[in-house]
């Protein structure tokens, strides 16, 4: 089973777009809302090396933000990573 983790913030448009893309594909994900769990921000930086939102991790591999997710999706690589038919 795939493990998808998204660090997000409710005021982040790119966060909403990333979640929408995954929802459209029927991919379940764990969301860490940094507005509620601000203490997890250092964990996000340590895991991804980035401070911008969203940060998306698929199967323990940091892939970046919405733009990175969108590029993977357009190339068909996201489906391969997630074993989606």
PDB file of N, CA and C in Angstrom:
ATOM      1  N   UNK A   1       0.843  -1.187   0.000  1.00  0.00           N
ATOM      2  CA  UNK A   1       0.000   0.000   0.000  1.00  0.00           C
ATOM      3  C   UNK A   1       0.881   1.241   0.000  1.00  0.00           C
ATOM      4  N   UNK A   2       0.459   2.232  -0.725  1.00  0.00           N
ATOM      5  CA  UNK A   2       1.203   3.480  -0.818  1.00  0.00           C
ATOM      6  C   UNK A   2       1.026   4.297   0.446  1.00  0.00           C
ATOM      7  N   UNK A   3       2.073   5.021   0.765  1.00  0.00           N
ATOM      8  CA  UNK A   3       2.014   5.951   1.877  1.00  0.00           C
ATOM      9  C   UNK A   3       2.288   7.341   1.314  1.00  0.00           C
ATOM     10  N   UNK A   4       1.262   8.194   1.364  1.00  0.00           N
ATOM     11  CA  UNK A   4       1.391   9.552   0.858  1.00  0.00           C
ATOM     12  C   UNK A   4       1.169  10.501   2.028  1.00  0.00           C
ATOM     13  N   UNK A   5       2.099  11.413   2.206  1.00  0.00           N
ATOM     14  CA  UNK A   5       2.043  12.385   3.298  1.00  0.00           C
ATOM     15  C   UNK A   5       2.139  13.781   2.702  1.00  0.00           C
ATOM     16  N   UNK A   6       1.248  14.660   3.157  1.00  0.00           N
ATOM     17  CA  UNK A   6       1.271  16.048   2.686  1.00  0.00           C
ATOM     18  C   UNK A   6       1.357  16.971   3.890  1.00  0.00           C
ATOM     19  N   UNK A   7       2.391  17.803   3.912  1.00  0.00           N
ATOM     20  CA  UNK A   7       2.472  18.899   4.874  1.00  0.00           C
ATOM     21  C   UNK A   7       1.766  20.078   4.215  1.00  0.00           C
ATOM     22  N   UNK A   8       0.786  20.650   4.915  1.00  0.00           N
ATOM     23  CA  UNK A   8      -0.017  21.700   4.284  1.00  0.00           C
ATOM     24  C   UNK A   8      -0.388  22.790   5.278  1.00  0.00           C
ATOM     25  N   UNK A   9      -1.066  23.790   4.746  1.00  0.00           N
ATOM     26  CA  UNK A   9      -1.618  24.900   5.542  1.00  0.00           C
ATOM     27  C   UNK A   9      -2.935  25.286   4.884  1.00  0.00           C
ATOM     28  N   UNK A  10      -3.988  25.577   5.664  1.00  0.00           N
ATOM     29  CA  UNK A  10      -5.289  25.860   5.069  1.00  0.00           C
ATOM     30  C   UNK A  10      -5.317  27.063   4.128  1.00  0.00           C
ATOM     31  N   UNK A  11      -4.442  28.024   4.300  1.00  0.00           N
ATOM     32  CA  UNK A  11      -4.430  29.200   3.438  1.00  0.00           C
ATOM     33  C   UNK A  11      -3.594  29.047   2.186  1.00  0.00           C
ATOM     34  N   UNK A  12      -3.102  27.858   1.930  1.00  0.00           N
ATOM     35  CA  UNK A  12      -2.182  27.600   0.817  1.00  0.00           C
ATOM     36  C   UNK A  12      -2.949  27.047  -0.381  1.00  0.00           C
ATOM     37  N   UNK A  13      -3.027  27.834  -1.443  1.00  0.00           N
ATOM     38  CA  UNK A  13      -3.716  27.402  -2.655  1.00  0.00           C
ATOM     39  C   UNK A  13      -3.074  26.192  -3.306  1.00  0.00           C
ATOM     40  N   UNK A  14      -1.749  26.140  -3.295  1.00  0.00           N
ATOM     41  CA  UNK A  14      -1.064  24.991  -3.880  1.00  0.00           C
ATOM     42  C   UNK A  14      -1.319  23.719  -3.081  1.00  0.00           C
ATOM     43  N   UNK A  15      -1.503  23.866  -1.773  1.00  0.00           N
ATOM     44  CA  UNK A  15      -1.847  22.714  -0.933  1.00  0.00           C
ATOM     45  C   UNK A  15      -3.202  22.156  -1.349  1.00  0.00           C
ATOM     46  N   UNK A  16      -4.160  23.050  -1.555  1.00  0.00           N
ATOM     47  CA  UNK A  16      -5.497  22.628  -1.986  1.00  0.00           C
ATOM     48  C   UNK A  16      -5.436  21.934  -3.346  1.00  0.00           C
ATOM     49  N   UNK A  17      -4.630  22.469  -4.242  1.00  0.00           N
ATOM     50  CA  UNK A  17      -4.519  21.885  -5.585  1.00  0.00           C
ATOM     51  C   UNK A  17      -3.886  20.496  -5.536  1.00  0.00           C
ATOM     52  N   UNK A  18      -2.876  20.323  -4.690  1.00  0.00           N
ATOM     53  CA  UNK A  18      -2.232  19.012  -4.559  1.00  0.00           C
ATOM     54  C   UNK A  18      -3.211  17.986  -3.996  1.00  0.00           C
ATOM     55  N   UNK A  19      -3.953  18.378  -2.978  1.00  0.00           N
ATOM     56  CA  UNK A  19      -4.929  17.450  -2.381  1.00  0.00           C
ATOM     57  C   UNK A  19      -6.035  17.125  -3.384  1.00  0.00           C
ATOM     58  N   UNK A  20      -6.458  18.110  -4.162  1.00  0.00           N
ATOM     59  CA  UNK A  20      -7.490  17.886  -5.169  1.00  0.00           C
ATOM     60  C   UNK A  20      -7.013  16.878  -6.213  1.00  0.00           C
ATOM     61  N   UNK A  21      -5.773  17.028  -6.677  1.00  0.00           N
ATOM     62  CA  UNK A  21      -5.226  16.107  -7.667  1.00  0.00           C
ATOM     63  C   UNK A  21      -5.231  14.681  -7.122  1.00  0.00           C
ATOM     64  N   UNK A  22      -4.780  14.507  -5.889  1.00  0.00           N
ATOM     65  CA  UNK A  22      -4.759  13.172  -5.289  1.00  0.00           C
ATOM     66  C   UNK A  22      -6.167  12.650  -5.065  1.00  0.00           C
ATOM     67  N   UNK A  23      -7.079  13.523  -4.626  1.00  0.00           N
ATOM     68  CA  UNK A  23      -8.477  13.114  -4.438  1.00  0.00           C
ATOM     69  C   UNK A  23      -9.077  12.636  -5.756  1.00  0.00           C
ATOM     70  N   UNK A  24      -8.799  13.361  -6.837  1.00  0.00           N
ATOM     71  CA  UNK A  24      -9.325  12.986  -8.154  1.00  0.00           C
ATOM     72  C   UNK A  24      -8.818  11.617  -8.594  1.00  0.00           C
ATOM     73  N   UNK A  25      -7.617  11.266  -8.174  1.00  0.00           N
ATOM     74  CA  UNK A  25      -7.038   9.969  -8.515  1.00  0.00           C
ATOM     75  C   UNK A  25      -7.468   8.887  -7.532  1.00  0.00           C
ATOM     76  N   UNK A  26      -8.184   9.277  -6.472  1.00  0.00           N
ATOM     77  CA  UNK A  26      -8.623   8.306  -5.467  1.00  0.00           C
ATOM     78  C   UNK A  26      -7.509   7.844  -4.554  1.00  0.00           C
ATOM     79  N   UNK A  27      -6.477   8.662  -4.414  1.00  0.00           N
ATOM     80  CA  UNK A  27      -5.322   8.314  -3.580  1.00  0.00           C
ATOM     81  C   UNK A  27      -5.538   8.846  -2.172  1.00  0.00           C
ATOM     82  N   UNK A  28      -5.466   7.965  -1.196  1.00  0.00           N
ATOM     83  CA  UNK A  28      -5.572   8.387   0.196  1.00  0.00           C
ATOM     84  C   UNK A  28      -4.225   8.935   0.652  1.00  0.00           C
ATOM     85  N   UNK A  29      -4.281   9.901   1.548  1.00  0.00           N
ATOM     86  CA  UNK A  29      -3.060  10.510   2.050  1.00  0.00           C
ATOM     87  C   UNK A  29      -3.258  10.939   3.499  1.00  0.00           C
ATOM     88  N   UNK A  30      -2.137  11.056   4.174  1.00  0.00           N
ATOM     89  CA  UNK A  30      -2.127  11.626   5.523  1.00  0.00           C
ATOM     90  C   UNK A  30      -1.753  13.093   5.368  1.00  0.00           C
ATOM     91  N   UNK A  31      -2.494  13.947   6.040  1.00  0.00           N
ATOM     92  CA  UNK A  31      -2.209  15.380   5.970  1.00  0.00           C
ATOM     93  C   UNK A  31      -1.735  15.872   7.325  1.00  0.00           C
ATOM     94  N   UNK A  32      -0.663  16.606   7.313  1.00  0.00           N
ATOM     95  CA  UNK A  32      -0.202  17.291   8.514  1.00  0.00           C
ATOM     96  C   UNK A  32      -0.466  18.769   8.286  1.00  0.00           C
ATOM     97  N   UNK A  33      -1.461  19.273   8.985  1.00  0.00           N
ATOM     98  CA  UNK A  33      -1.874  20.671   8.879  1.00  0.00           C
ATOM     99  C   UNK A  33      -0.976  21.492   9.801  1.00  0.00           C
ATOM    100  N   UNK A  34      -0.074  22.253   9.214  1.00  0.00           N
ATOM    101  CA  UNK A  34       0.897  22.996  10.019  1.00  0.00           C
ATOM    102  C   UNK A  34       0.280  24.184  10.742  1.00  0.00           C
ATOM    103  N   UNK A  35      -0.952  24.556  10.424  1.00  0.00           N
ATOM    104  CA  UNK A  35      -1.643  25.586  11.193  1.00  0.00           C
ATOM    105  C   UNK A  35      -2.028  25.040  12.566  1.00  0.00           C
ATOM    106  N   UNK A  36      -2.259  23.743  12.621  1.00  0.00           N
ATOM    107  CA  UNK A  36      -2.629  23.083  13.881  1.00  0.00           C
ATOM    108  C   UNK A  36      -1.417  22.453  14.552  1.00  0.00           C
ATOM    109  N   UNK A  37      -0.536  21.880  13.732  1.00  0.00           N
ATOM    110  CA  UNK A  37       0.637  21.173  14.250  1.00  0.00           C
ATOM    111  C   UNK A  37       1.922  21.894  13.847  1.00  0.00           C
ATOM    112  N   UNK A  38       2.040  23.149  14.231  1.00  0.00           N
ATOM    113  CA  UNK A  38       3.202  23.968  13.863  1.00  0.00           C
ATOM    114  C   UNK A  38       4.513  23.359  14.351  1.00  0.00           C
ATOM    115  N   UNK A  39       4.463  22.583  15.418  1.00  0.00           N
ATOM    116  CA  UNK A  39       5.674  21.956  15.950  1.00  0.00           C
ATOM    117  C   UNK A  39       6.247  20.900  15.001  1.00  0.00           C
ATOM    118  N   UNK A  40       5.498  20.520  13.959  1.00  0.00           N
ATOM    119  CA  UNK A  40       5.965  19.534  12.987  1.00  0.00           C
ATOM    120  C   UNK A  40       6.756  20.172  11.834  1.00  0.00           C
ATOM    121  N   UNK A  41       6.808  21.516  11.802  1.00  0.00           N
ATOM    122  CA  UNK A  41       7.519  22.217  10.732  1.00  0.00           C
ATOM    123  C   UNK A  41       8.995  21.800  10.652  1.00  0.00           C
ATOM    124  N   UNK A  42       9.725  21.748  11.777  1.00  0.00           N
ATOM    125  CA  UNK A  42      11.129  21.301  11.695  1.00  0.00           C
ATOM    126  C   UNK A  42      11.261  19.877  11.152  1.00  0.00           C
ATOM    127  N   UNK A  43      10.306  19.009  11.461  1.00  0.00           N
ATOM    128  CA  UNK A  43      10.308  17.645  10.935  1.00  0.00           C
ATOM    129  C   UNK A  43      10.182  17.666   9.415  1.00  0.00           C
ATOM    130  N   UNK A  44       9.296  18.539   8.893  1.00  0.00           N
ATOM    131  CA  UNK A  44       9.121  18.656   7.457  1.00  0.00           C
ATOM    132  C   UNK A  44      10.425  19.093   6.788  1.00  0.00           C
ATOM    133  N   UNK A  45      11.074  20.089   7.360  1.00  0.00           N
ATOM    134  CA  UNK A  45      12.334  20.584   6.794  1.00  0.00           C
ATOM    135  C   UNK A  45      13.394  19.486   6.804  1.00  0.00           C
ATOM    136  N   UNK A  46      13.465  18.751   7.905  1.00  0.00           N
ATOM    137  CA  UNK A  46      14.457  17.677   8.008  1.00  0.00           C
ATOM    138  C   UNK A  46      14.188  16.580   6.972  1.00  0.00           C
ATOM    139  N   UNK A  47      12.930  16.250   6.766  1.00  0.00           N
ATOM    140  CA  UNK A  47      12.574  15.165   5.848  1.00  0.00           C
ATOM    141  C   UNK A  47      12.676  15.566   4.384  1.00  0.00           C
ATOM    142  N   UNK A  48      12.408  16.832   4.076  1.00  0.00           N
ATOM    143  CA  UNK A  48      12.342  17.251   2.674  1.00  0.00           C
ATOM    144  C   UNK A  48      13.462  18.192   2.250  1.00  0.00           C
ATOM    145  N   UNK A  49      14.061  18.887   3.208  1.00  0.00           N
ATOM    146  CA  UNK A  49      15.072  19.876   2.882  1.00  0.00           C
ATOM    147  C   UNK A  49      14.479  21.176   2.366  1.00  0.00           C
ATOM    148  N   UNK A  50      13.173  21.336   2.486  1.00  0.00           N
ATOM    149  CA  UNK A  50      12.483  22.524   1.974  1.00  0.00           C
ATOM    150  C   UNK A  50      11.594  23.145   3.043  1.00  0.00           C
ATOM    151  N   UNK A  51      11.320  24.452   2.851  1.00  0.00           N
ATOM    152  CA  UNK A  51      10.468  25.189   3.781  1.00  0.00           C
ATOM    153  C   UNK A  51       9.133  25.598   3.172  1.00  0.00           C
ATOM    154  N   UNK A  52       8.964  25.431   1.870  1.00  0.00           N
ATOM    155  CA  UNK A  52       7.735  25.858   1.201  1.00  0.00           C
ATOM    156  C   UNK A  52       6.645  24.791   1.326  1.00  0.00           C
ATOM    157  N   UNK A  53       5.413  25.229   1.126  1.00  0.00           N
ATOM    158  CA  UNK A  53       4.265  24.330   1.212  1.00  0.00           C
ATOM    159  C   UNK A  53       3.541  24.272  -0.114  1.00  0.00           C
ATOM    160  N   UNK A  54       2.923  23.140  -0.411  1.00  0.00           N
ATOM    161  CA  UNK A  54       2.949  21.901   0.355  1.00  0.00           C
ATOM    162  C   UNK A  54       4.269  21.173   0.141  1.00  0.00           C
ATOM    163  N   UNK A  55       4.507  20.224   0.992  1.00  0.00           N
ATOM    164  CA  UNK A  55       5.583  19.262   0.770  1.00  0.00           C
ATOM    165  C   UNK A  55       4.932  17.893   0.763  1.00  0.00           C
ATOM    166  N   UNK A  56       5.236  17.121  -0.253  1.00  0.00           N
ATOM    167  CA  UNK A  56       4.598  15.837  -0.472  1.00  0.00           C
ATOM    168  C   UNK A  56       5.656  14.749  -0.434  1.00  0.00           C
ATOM    169  N   UNK A  57       5.362  13.715   0.318  1.00  0.00           N
ATOM    170  CA  UNK A  57       6.262  12.572   0.434  1.00  0.00           C
ATOM    171  C   UNK A  57       5.470  11.334   0.016  1.00  0.00           C
ATOM    172  N   UNK A  58       6.009  10.587  -0.937  1.00  0.00           N
ATOM    173  CA  UNK A  58       5.364   9.370  -1.406  1.00  0.00           C
ATOM    174  C   UNK A  58       6.285   8.195  -1.118  1.00  0.00           C
ATOM    175  N   UNK A  59       5.771   7.255  -0.328  1.00  0.00           N
ATOM    176  CA  UNK A  59       6.544   6.068   0.038  1.00  0.00           C
ATOM    177  C   UNK A  59       7.925   6.455   0.569  1.00  0.00           C
ATOM    178  N   UNK A  60       7.934   7.412   1.487  1.00  0.00           N
ATOM    179  CA  UNK A  60       9.143   7.914   2.151  1.00  0.00           C
ATOM    180  C   UNK A  60      10.107   8.647   1.225  1.00  0.00           C
ATOM    181  N   UNK A  61       9.676   8.969   0.016  1.00  0.00           N
ATOM    182  CA  UNK A  61      10.507   9.718  -0.929  1.00  0.00           C
ATOM    183  C   UNK A  61       9.935  11.124  -1.094  1.00  0.00           C
ATOM    184  N   UNK A  62      10.669  12.160  -0.653  1.00  0.00           N
ATOM    185  CA  UNK A  62      10.189  13.530  -0.857  1.00  0.00           C
ATOM    186  C   UNK A  62      10.134  13.845  -2.348  1.00  0.00           C
ATOM    187  N   UNK A  63       8.976  14.334  -2.808  1.00  0.00           N
ATOM    188  CA  UNK A  63       8.881  14.667  -4.227  1.00  0.00           C
ATOM    189  C   UNK A  63       8.764  16.164  -4.458  1.00  0.00           C
ATOM    190  N   UNK A  64       8.538  16.941  -3.411  1.00  0.00           N
ATOM    191  CA  UNK A  64       8.444  18.386  -3.554  1.00  0.00           C
ATOM    192  C   UNK A  64       7.035  18.885  -3.343  1.00  0.00           C
ATOM    193  N   UNK A  65       6.692  19.956  -4.066  1.00  0.00           N
ATOM    194  CA  UNK A  65       5.406  20.605  -3.896  1.00  0.00           C
ATOM    195  C   UNK A  65       4.433  20.271  -5.006  1.00  0.00           C
ATOM    196  N   UNK A  66       3.406  21.121  -5.154  1.00  0.00           N
ATOM    197  CA  UNK A  66       2.366  20.867  -6.150  1.00  0.00           C
ATOM    198  C   UNK A  66       2.929  20.841  -7.563  1.00  0.00           C
ATOM    199  N   UNK A  67       3.813  21.764  -7.894  1.00  0.00           N
ATOM    200  CA  UNK A  67       4.363  21.786  -9.254  1.00  0.00           C
ATOM    201  C   UNK A  67       5.059  20.461  -9.574  1.00  0.00           C
ATOM    202  N   UNK A  68       5.821  19.953  -8.619  1.00  0.00           N
ATOM    203  CA  UNK A  68       6.521  18.680  -8.820  1.00  0.00           C
ATOM    204  C   UNK A  68       5.521  17.532  -8.982  1.00  0.00           C
ATOM    205  N   UNK A  69       4.481  17.545  -8.151  1.00  0.00           N
ATOM    206  CA  UNK A  69       3.436  16.530  -8.234  1.00  0.00           C
ATOM    207  C   UNK A  69       2.736  16.587  -9.594  1.00  0.00           C
ATOM    208  N   UNK A  70       2.444  17.781 -10.049  1.00  0.00           N
ATOM    209  CA  UNK A  70       1.763  17.978 -11.320  1.00  0.00           C
ATOM    210  C   UNK A  70       2.619  17.500 -12.488  1.00  0.00           C
ATOM    211  N   UNK A  71       3.905  17.770 -12.440  1.00  0.00           N
ATOM    212  CA  UNK A  71       4.823  17.325 -13.499  1.00  0.00           C
ATOM    213  C   UNK A  71       4.875  15.799 -13.536  1.00  0.00           C
ATOM    214  N   UNK A  72       4.970  15.176 -12.365  1.00  0.00           N
ATOM    215  CA  UNK A  72       4.971  13.715 -12.305  1.00  0.00           C
ATOM    216  C   UNK A  72       3.677  13.157 -12.893  1.00  0.00           C
ATOM    217  N   UNK A  73       2.567  13.805 -12.557  1.00  0.00           N
ATOM    218  CA  UNK A  73       1.270  13.346 -13.051  1.00  0.00           C
ATOM    219  C   UNK A  73       1.186  13.472 -14.567  1.00  0.00           C
ATOM    220  N   UNK A  74       1.602  14.600 -15.114  1.00  0.00           N
ATOM    221  CA  UNK A  74       1.535  14.833 -16.560  1.00  0.00           C
ATOM    222  C   UNK A  74       2.406  13.846 -17.330  1.00  0.00           C
ATOM    223  N   UNK A  75       3.511  13.446 -16.738  1.00  0.00           N
ATOM    224  CA  UNK A  75       4.425  12.509 -17.394  1.00  0.00           C
ATOM    225  C   UNK A  75       4.009  11.049 -17.210  1.00  0.00           C
ATOM    226  N   UNK A  76       2.968  10.804 -16.405  1.00  0.00           N
ATOM    227  CA  UNK A  76       2.533   9.438 -16.133  1.00  0.00           C
ATOM    228  C   UNK A  76       3.339   8.756 -15.046  1.00  0.00           C
ATOM    229  N   UNK A  77       4.318   9.463 -14.503  1.00  0.00           N
ATOM    230  CA  UNK A  77       5.189   8.868 -13.489  1.00  0.00           C
ATOM    231  C   UNK A  77       4.506   8.757 -12.125  1.00  0.00           C
ATOM    232  N   UNK A  78       3.539   9.631 -11.847  1.00  0.00           N
ATOM    233  CA  UNK A  78       2.830   9.571 -10.572  1.00  0.00           C
ATOM    234  C   UNK A  78       2.049   8.259 -10.478  1.00  0.00           C
ATOM    235  N   UNK A  79       1.368   7.884 -11.562  1.00  0.00           N
ATOM    236  CA  UNK A  79       0.625   6.630 -11.572  1.00  0.00           C
ATOM    237  C   UNK A  79       1.550   5.443 -11.336  1.00  0.00           C
ATOM    238  N   UNK A  80       2.735   5.496 -11.903  1.00  0.00           N
ATOM    239  CA  UNK A  80       3.710   4.409 -11.712  1.00  0.00           C
ATOM    240  C   UNK A  80       4.146   4.365 -10.248  1.00  0.00           C
ATOM    241  N   UNK A  81       4.473   5.518  -9.673  1.00  0.00           N
ATOM    242  CA  UNK A  81       4.892   5.570  -8.272  1.00  0.00           C
ATOM    243  C   UNK A  81       3.825   5.017  -7.333  1.00  0.00           C
ATOM    244  N   UNK A  82       2.554   5.306  -7.681  1.00  0.00           N
ATOM    245  CA  UNK A  82       1.439   4.928  -6.815  1.00  0.00           C
ATOM    246  C   UNK A  82       0.757   3.634  -7.237  1.00  0.00           C
ATOM    247  N   UNK A  83       1.295   2.985  -8.267  1.00  0.00           N
ATOM    248  CA  UNK A  83       0.705   1.756  -8.784  1.00  0.00           C
ATOM    249  C   UNK A  83      -0.777   1.928  -9.099  1.00  0.00           C
ATOM    250  N   UNK A  84      -1.110   3.030  -9.779  1.00  0.00           N
ATOM    251  CA  UNK A  84      -2.478   3.331 -10.162  1.00  0.00           C
ATOM    252  C   UNK A  84      -2.684   2.898 -11.605  1.00  0.00           C
ATOM    253  N   UNK A  85      -3.772   2.181 -11.842  1.00  0.00           N
ATOM    254  CA  UNK A  85      -4.063   1.726 -13.219  1.00  0.00           C
ATOM    255  C   UNK A  85      -4.640   2.845 -14.043  1.00  0.00           C
TER     256      UNK A  85
END
